[in-house]
């Protein structure tokens, strides 16, 4: 792990729910850059990887893929993820978000999405209980506190945790606090792009094995 950190391939973040816990995550952009660089040495074609391919070209599943993002207040991280995934998947993924203690949509969430030309008209802060009867293929927690208390989901739902600091809790000037929202949106975009790549490959595998 030390060597991975020295090469800036792994990020370390202390849990905001339990400071005794540490979360490690790959720096996917750094890893991708090194991977493509190595590919170019082997053969130029290997270094031309585009991530992900056009979602419109995915094999069509029997029903839409459904993804739920969870955080505590459903005011920033989960709402940003919801809007970004909806746009990046070109509508091929049904996505929702909710919180355990929803407090409403933070104004900076809307401002950041608007600056990225991401549709935010349907975003609404809601309690997780509103979605308890719905089926989801993936439940992605973007808040350490929610991960610690995430309710049980049907066994077919794959639960994933992405550890992100809450931009609402950012300190400093108004501009610095807004920049925390921008960083969160950028980091979520990277995670979602690779998540979509994983989903695409799973669809292709299912198509090939049917």
C-alpha atoms as a PDB file:
ATOM      1  CA  UNK A   1       0.000   0.000   0.000  1.00  0.00           C
ATOM      2  CA  UNK A   2       2.873   2.370   0.779  1.00  0.00           C
ATOM      3  CA  UNK A   3       4.290   1.905  -2.715  1.00  0.00           C
ATOM      4  CA  UNK A   4       0.909   2.564  -4.287  1.00  0.00           C
ATOM      5  CA  UNK A   5       0.575   5.786  -2.289  1.00  0.00           C
ATOM      6  CA  UNK A   6       4.103   6.845  -3.278  1.00  0.00           C
ATOM      7  CA  UNK A   7       3.148   6.433  -6.920  1.00  0.00           C
ATOM      8  CA  UNK A   8      -0.064   8.432  -6.321  1.00  0.00           C
ATOM      9  CA  UNK A   9      -2.205   5.499  -7.421  1.00  0.00           C
ATOM     10  CA  UNK A  10      -4.135   5.203  -4.169  1.00  0.00           C
ATOM     11  CA  UNK A  11      -5.970   7.873  -2.228  1.00  0.00           C
ATOM     12  CA  UNK A  12      -6.478   7.645   1.530  1.00  0.00           C
ATOM     13  CA  UNK A  13      -9.336   9.261   3.411  1.00  0.00           C
ATOM     14  CA  UNK A  14     -10.326   8.973   7.063  1.00  0.00           C
ATOM     15  CA  UNK A  15     -13.984   8.100   7.573  1.00  0.00           C
ATOM     16  CA  UNK A  16     -16.180  11.001   8.560  1.00  0.00           C
ATOM     17  CA  UNK A  17     -18.376   8.548  10.483  1.00  0.00           C
ATOM     18  CA  UNK A  18     -15.678   6.677  12.408  1.00  0.00           C
ATOM     19  CA  UNK A  19     -12.233   8.284  12.442  1.00  0.00           C
ATOM     20  CA  UNK A  20     -10.656   4.925  13.296  1.00  0.00           C
ATOM     21  CA  UNK A  21     -11.533   3.737   9.791  1.00  0.00           C
ATOM     22  CA  UNK A  22      -9.619   4.554   6.644  1.00  0.00           C
ATOM     23  CA  UNK A  23     -10.977   4.300   3.121  1.00  0.00           C
ATOM     24  CA  UNK A  24      -8.625   3.609   0.236  1.00  0.00           C
ATOM     25  CA  UNK A  25      -9.565   4.182  -3.387  1.00  0.00           C
ATOM     26  CA  UNK A  26      -7.697   3.924  -6.665  1.00  0.00           C
ATOM     27  CA  UNK A  27      -6.941   7.177  -8.437  1.00  0.00           C
ATOM     28  CA  UNK A  28      -8.570   5.929 -11.611  1.00  0.00           C
ATOM     29  CA  UNK A  29      -7.392   8.784 -13.795  1.00  0.00           C
ATOM     30  CA  UNK A  30      -3.770   8.292 -12.747  1.00  0.00           C
ATOM     31  CA  UNK A  31      -4.042   4.526 -13.224  1.00  0.00           C
ATOM     32  CA  UNK A  32      -5.644   4.993 -16.641  1.00  0.00           C
ATOM     33  CA  UNK A  33      -2.881   7.378 -17.728  1.00  0.00           C
ATOM     34  CA  UNK A  34      -0.176   4.878 -16.703  1.00  0.00           C
ATOM     35  CA  UNK A  35      -2.090   2.011 -18.319  1.00  0.00           C
ATOM     36  CA  UNK A  36      -2.424   3.857 -21.628  1.00  0.00           C
ATOM     37  CA  UNK A  37       1.198   4.931 -21.476  1.00  0.00           C
ATOM     38  CA  UNK A  38       2.265   1.307 -21.058  1.00  0.00           C
ATOM     39  CA  UNK A  39      -0.101   0.292 -23.855  1.00  0.00           C
ATOM     40  CA  UNK A  40       1.451   2.785 -26.224  1.00  0.00           C
ATOM     41  CA  UNK A  41       4.852   1.209 -25.615  1.00  0.00           C
ATOM     42  CA  UNK A  42       3.494  -2.234 -26.540  1.00  0.00           C
ATOM     43  CA  UNK A  43       1.361  -1.155 -29.496  1.00  0.00           C
ATOM     44  CA  UNK A  44      -0.175   2.204 -30.507  1.00  0.00           C
ATOM     45  CA  UNK A  45      -3.650   0.681 -30.839  1.00  0.00           C
ATOM     46  CA  UNK A  46      -3.691  -0.365 -27.182  1.00  0.00           C
ATOM     47  CA  UNK A  47      -3.297   3.230 -26.084  1.00  0.00           C
ATOM     48  CA  UNK A  48      -6.395   4.420 -27.915  1.00  0.00           C
ATOM     49  CA  UNK A  49      -8.879   3.156 -25.335  1.00  0.00           C
ATOM     50  CA  UNK A  50     -11.964   5.323 -24.962  1.00  0.00           C
ATOM     51  CA  UNK A  51     -13.915   5.058 -21.716  1.00  0.00           C
ATOM     52  CA  UNK A  52     -16.763   4.384 -21.960  1.00  0.00           C
ATOM     53  CA  UNK A  53     -18.115   3.640 -25.430  1.00  0.00           C
ATOM     54  CA  UNK A  54     -21.450   5.112 -26.529  1.00  0.00           C
ATOM     55  CA  UNK A  55     -24.156   3.876 -24.098  1.00  0.00           C
ATOM     56  CA  UNK A  56     -26.602   3.890 -27.018  1.00  0.00           C
ATOM     57  CA  UNK A  57     -24.684   0.932 -28.471  1.00  0.00           C
ATOM     58  CA  UNK A  58     -25.039  -1.250 -25.389  1.00  0.00           C
ATOM     59  CA  UNK A  59     -26.879  -4.533 -25.818  1.00  0.00           C
ATOM     60  CA  UNK A  60     -30.443  -3.893 -24.678  1.00  0.00           C
ATOM     61  CA  UNK A  61     -31.272  -5.677 -21.383  1.00  0.00           C
ATOM     62  CA  UNK A  62     -34.668  -7.178 -20.674  1.00  0.00           C
ATOM     63  CA  UNK A  63     -35.407  -4.280 -18.336  1.00  0.00           C
ATOM     64  CA  UNK A  64     -33.661  -0.996 -17.524  1.00  0.00           C
ATOM     65  CA  UNK A  65     -30.752  -1.037 -15.118  1.00  0.00           C
ATOM     66  CA  UNK A  66     -31.693   0.715 -11.867  1.00  0.00           C
ATOM     67  CA  UNK A  67     -29.226   2.522  -9.619  1.00  0.00           C
ATOM     68  CA  UNK A  68     -29.809   4.242  -6.269  1.00  0.00           C
ATOM     69  CA  UNK A  69     -27.400   6.743  -4.691  1.00  0.00           C
ATOM     70  CA  UNK A  70     -27.617   7.256  -0.936  1.00  0.00           C
ATOM     71  CA  UNK A  71     -26.216   9.834   1.473  1.00  0.00           C
ATOM     72  CA  UNK A  72     -27.367  11.407   4.719  1.00  0.00           C
ATOM     73  CA  UNK A  73     -29.009  14.662   3.655  1.00  0.00           C
ATOM     74  CA  UNK A  74     -29.622  14.004  -0.062  1.00  0.00           C
ATOM     75  CA  UNK A  75     -28.635  17.610  -0.703  1.00  0.00           C
ATOM     76  CA  UNK A  76     -25.364  17.391  -2.640  1.00  0.00           C
ATOM     77  CA  UNK A  77     -23.341  14.207  -3.289  1.00  0.00           C
ATOM     78  CA  UNK A  78     -26.154  11.788  -4.055  1.00  0.00           C
ATOM     79  CA  UNK A  79     -28.073  14.369  -6.082  1.00  0.00           C
ATOM     80  CA  UNK A  80     -24.987  15.259  -8.107  1.00  0.00           C
ATOM     81  CA  UNK A  81     -24.416  11.554  -8.763  1.00  0.00           C
ATOM     82  CA  UNK A  82     -28.042  11.051  -9.778  1.00  0.00           C
ATOM     83  CA  UNK A  83     -28.003  13.876 -12.319  1.00  0.00           C
ATOM     84  CA  UNK A  84     -24.569  12.983 -13.703  1.00  0.00           C
ATOM     85  CA  UNK A  85     -25.347   9.287 -14.163  1.00  0.00           C
ATOM     86  CA  UNK A  86     -28.663  10.052 -15.825  1.00  0.00           C
ATOM     87  CA  UNK A  87     -26.949  12.272 -18.386  1.00  0.00           C
ATOM     88  CA  UNK A  88     -23.800  10.188 -18.884  1.00  0.00           C
ATOM     89  CA  UNK A  89     -25.823   7.014 -19.501  1.00  0.00           C
ATOM     90  CA  UNK A  90     -27.917   8.819 -22.109  1.00  0.00           C
ATOM     91  CA  UNK A  91     -31.049   7.770 -20.255  1.00  0.00           C
ATOM     92  CA  UNK A  92     -30.256   4.052 -20.460  1.00  0.00           C
ATOM     93  CA  UNK A  93     -30.024   3.792 -16.658  1.00  0.00           C
ATOM     94  CA  UNK A  94     -32.915   4.515 -14.313  1.00  0.00           C
ATOM     95  CA  UNK A  95     -31.346   6.401 -11.423  1.00  0.00           C
ATOM     96  CA  UNK A  96     -32.625   7.808  -8.147  1.00  0.00           C
ATOM     97  CA  UNK A  97     -31.178   9.210  -4.934  1.00  0.00           C
ATOM     98  CA  UNK A  98     -32.339   9.529  -1.348  1.00  0.00           C
ATOM     99  CA  UNK A  99     -31.146  10.300   2.162  1.00  0.00           C
ATOM    100  CA  UNK A 100     -31.684   9.103   5.704  1.00  0.00           C
ATOM    101  CA  UNK A 101     -32.239  12.702   6.882  1.00  0.00           C
ATOM    102  CA  UNK A 102     -33.066  14.752   3.766  1.00  0.00           C
ATOM    103  CA  UNK A 103     -32.666  18.496   4.151  1.00  0.00           C
ATOM    104  CA  UNK A 104     -33.470  19.776   0.650  1.00  0.00           C
ATOM    105  CA  UNK A 105     -31.407  20.476  -2.456  1.00  0.00           C
ATOM    106  CA  UNK A 106     -28.403  22.672  -1.713  1.00  0.00           C
ATOM    107  CA  UNK A 107     -28.246  25.746  -4.024  1.00  0.00           C
ATOM    108  CA  UNK A 108     -24.626  24.994  -4.985  1.00  0.00           C
ATOM    109  CA  UNK A 109     -25.693  21.570  -6.242  1.00  0.00           C
ATOM    110  CA  UNK A 110     -27.952  23.239  -8.786  1.00  0.00           C
ATOM    111  CA  UNK A 111     -25.313  25.847  -9.677  1.00  0.00           C
ATOM    112  CA  UNK A 112     -22.628  23.258 -10.388  1.00  0.00           C
ATOM    113  CA  UNK A 113     -24.932  21.103 -12.506  1.00  0.00           C
ATOM    114  CA  UNK A 114     -26.087  24.150 -14.453  1.00  0.00           C
ATOM    115  CA  UNK A 115     -22.470  25.126 -15.133  1.00  0.00           C
ATOM    116  CA  UNK A 116     -21.899  21.634 -16.564  1.00  0.00           C
ATOM    117  CA  UNK A 117     -25.078  21.770 -18.686  1.00  0.00           C
ATOM    118  CA  UNK A 118     -26.468  18.794 -16.747  1.00  0.00           C
ATOM    119  CA  UNK A 119     -30.247  18.635 -16.409  1.00  0.00           C
ATOM    120  CA  UNK A 120     -31.325  19.182 -12.809  1.00  0.00           C
ATOM    121  CA  UNK A 121     -35.018  19.943 -13.292  1.00  0.00           C
ATOM    122  CA  UNK A 122     -36.213  16.652 -11.802  1.00  0.00           C
ATOM    123  CA  UNK A 123     -33.971  16.611  -8.726  1.00  0.00           C
ATOM    124  CA  UNK A 124     -35.750  16.384  -5.404  1.00  0.00           C
ATOM    125  CA  UNK A 125     -34.462  15.671  -1.908  1.00  0.00           C
ATOM    126  CA  UNK A 126     -36.333  12.693  -0.481  1.00  0.00           C
ATOM    127  CA  UNK A 127     -36.270  10.149   2.348  1.00  0.00           C
ATOM    128  CA  UNK A 128     -35.096   6.639   1.649  1.00  0.00           C
ATOM    129  CA  UNK A 129     -38.443   5.272   2.828  1.00  0.00           C
ATOM    130  CA  UNK A 130     -40.051   6.639  -0.348  1.00  0.00           C
ATOM    131  CA  UNK A 131     -38.034   4.118  -2.367  1.00  0.00           C
ATOM    132  CA  UNK A 132     -38.118   1.141  -0.012  1.00  0.00           C
ATOM    133  CA  UNK A 133     -40.522  -0.836  -2.204  1.00  0.00           C
ATOM    134  CA  UNK A 134     -38.528  -0.351  -5.423  1.00  0.00           C
ATOM    135  CA  UNK A 135     -35.999  -2.744  -6.928  1.00  0.00           C
ATOM    136  CA  UNK A 136     -32.453  -1.555  -7.624  1.00  0.00           C
ATOM    137  CA  UNK A 137     -29.585  -3.426  -9.247  1.00  0.00           C
ATOM    138  CA  UNK A 138     -26.969  -1.232  -7.577  1.00  0.00           C
ATOM    139  CA  UNK A 139     -27.160   0.728  -4.332  1.00  0.00           C
ATOM    140  CA  UNK A 140     -24.218   3.135  -4.114  1.00  0.00           C
ATOM    141  CA  UNK A 141     -23.547   4.962  -0.852  1.00  0.00           C
ATOM    142  CA  UNK A 142     -21.557   8.183  -1.240  1.00  0.00           C
ATOM    143  CA  UNK A 143     -21.530   9.058   2.466  1.00  0.00           C
ATOM    144  CA  UNK A 144     -19.557   7.256   5.187  1.00  0.00           C
ATOM    145  CA  UNK A 145     -22.310   7.730   7.764  1.00  0.00           C
ATOM    146  CA  UNK A 146     -24.910   6.117   5.521  1.00  0.00           C
ATOM    147  CA  UNK A 147     -22.567   3.230   4.768  1.00  0.00           C
ATOM    148  CA  UNK A 148     -22.391   2.467   8.481  1.00  0.00           C
ATOM    149  CA  UNK A 149     -26.199   2.384   8.758  1.00  0.00           C
ATOM    150  CA  UNK A 150     -27.240   1.362   5.240  1.00  0.00           C
ATOM    151  CA  UNK A 151     -30.524  -0.569   5.401  1.00  0.00           C
ATOM    152  CA  UNK A 152     -30.704  -4.114   4.125  1.00  0.00           C
ATOM    153  CA  UNK A 153     -31.528  -4.496   0.442  1.00  0.00           C
ATOM    154  CA  UNK A 154     -32.627  -7.553  -1.524  1.00  0.00           C
ATOM    155  CA  UNK A 155     -29.746  -9.934  -2.165  1.00  0.00           C
ATOM    156  CA  UNK A 156     -29.807  -9.198  -5.891  1.00  0.00           C
ATOM    157  CA  UNK A 157     -28.875  -5.559  -5.261  1.00  0.00           C
ATOM    158  CA  UNK A 158     -25.123  -4.979  -5.342  1.00  0.00           C
ATOM    159  CA  UNK A 159     -24.097  -2.493  -2.635  1.00  0.00           C
ATOM    160  CA  UNK A 160     -21.088  -0.290  -3.416  1.00  0.00           C
ATOM    161  CA  UNK A 161     -19.478   2.439  -1.305  1.00  0.00           C
ATOM    162  CA  UNK A 162     -17.795   5.545  -2.694  1.00  0.00           C
ATOM    163  CA  UNK A 163     -16.263   7.612   0.112  1.00  0.00           C
ATOM    164  CA  UNK A 164     -16.678  11.343  -0.542  1.00  0.00           C
ATOM    165  CA  UNK A 165     -16.390  14.240   1.917  1.00  0.00           C
ATOM    166  CA  UNK A 166     -19.531  16.329   2.217  1.00  0.00           C
ATOM    167  CA  UNK A 167     -19.042  19.553   0.195  1.00  0.00           C
ATOM    168  CA  UNK A 168     -21.754  21.201   2.289  1.00  0.00           C
ATOM    169  CA  UNK A 169     -19.351  21.004   5.235  1.00  0.00           C
ATOM    170  CA  UNK A 170     -16.605  22.825   3.315  1.00  0.00           C
ATOM    171  CA  UNK A 171     -14.842  25.715   5.036  1.00  0.00           C
ATOM    172  CA  UNK A 172     -13.337  28.966   3.832  1.00  0.00           C
ATOM    173  CA  UNK A 173     -14.717  31.681   1.617  1.00  0.00           C
ATOM    174  CA  UNK A 174     -17.900  31.364  -0.403  1.00  0.00           C
ATOM    175  CA  UNK A 175     -15.819  30.682  -3.499  1.00  0.00           C
ATOM    176  CA  UNK A 176     -13.823  27.965  -1.728  1.00  0.00           C
ATOM    177  CA  UNK A 177     -17.018  26.300  -0.518  1.00  0.00           C
ATOM    178  CA  UNK A 178     -18.393  26.353  -4.055  1.00  0.00           C
ATOM    179  CA  UNK A 179     -15.155  24.827  -5.354  1.00  0.00           C
ATOM    180  CA  UNK A 180     -15.754  21.890  -2.996  1.00  0.00           C
ATOM    181  CA  UNK A 181     -18.954  21.171  -4.930  1.00  0.00           C
ATOM    182  CA  UNK A 182     -17.062  21.428  -8.226  1.00  0.00           C
ATOM    183  CA  UNK A 183     -14.423  18.953  -7.015  1.00  0.00           C
ATOM    184  CA  UNK A 184     -17.118  16.551  -5.884  1.00  0.00           C
ATOM    185  CA  UNK A 185     -18.816  16.718  -9.285  1.00  0.00           C
ATOM    186  CA  UNK A 186     -15.490  16.120 -11.046  1.00  0.00           C
ATOM    187  CA  UNK A 187     -14.644  13.121  -8.874  1.00  0.00           C
ATOM    188  CA  UNK A 188     -18.136  11.676  -9.273  1.00  0.00           C
ATOM    189  CA  UNK A 189     -17.866  12.037 -13.035  1.00  0.00           C
ATOM    190  CA  UNK A 190     -14.720   9.914 -12.999  1.00  0.00           C
ATOM    191  CA  UNK A 191     -16.276   7.245 -10.786  1.00  0.00           C
ATOM    192  CA  UNK A 192     -19.440   7.135 -12.858  1.00  0.00           C
ATOM    193  CA  UNK A 193     -17.527   6.878 -16.128  1.00  0.00           C
ATOM    194  CA  UNK A 194     -15.745   3.756 -14.910  1.00  0.00           C
ATOM    195  CA  UNK A 195     -18.937   2.394 -13.366  1.00  0.00           C
ATOM    196  CA  UNK A 196     -20.602   2.669 -16.780  1.00  0.00           C
ATOM    197  CA  UNK A 197     -17.660   0.859 -18.347  1.00  0.00           C
ATOM    198  CA  UNK A 198     -18.149  -2.000 -15.884  1.00  0.00           C
ATOM    199  CA  UNK A 199     -21.872  -2.119 -16.627  1.00  0.00           C
ATOM    200  CA  UNK A 200     -21.264  -2.135 -20.382  1.00  0.00           C
ATOM    201  CA  UNK A 201     -18.860  -5.056 -20.102  1.00  0.00           C
ATOM    202  CA  UNK A 202     -21.318  -7.016 -17.988  1.00  0.00           C
ATOM    203  CA  UNK A 203     -24.042  -6.468 -20.582  1.00  0.00           C
ATOM    204  CA  UNK A 204     -21.729  -7.625 -23.325  1.00  0.00           C
ATOM    205  CA  UNK A 205     -20.730 -10.706 -21.349  1.00  0.00           C
ATOM    206  CA  UNK A 206     -24.361 -11.629 -20.729  1.00  0.00           C
ATOM    207  CA  UNK A 207     -25.102 -11.215 -24.426  1.00  0.00           C
ATOM    208  CA  UNK A 208     -22.200 -13.429 -25.418  1.00  0.00           C
ATOM    209  CA  UNK A 209     -23.074 -16.170 -22.930  1.00  0.00           C
ATOM    210  CA  UNK A 210     -26.832 -16.329 -23.597  1.00  0.00           C
END
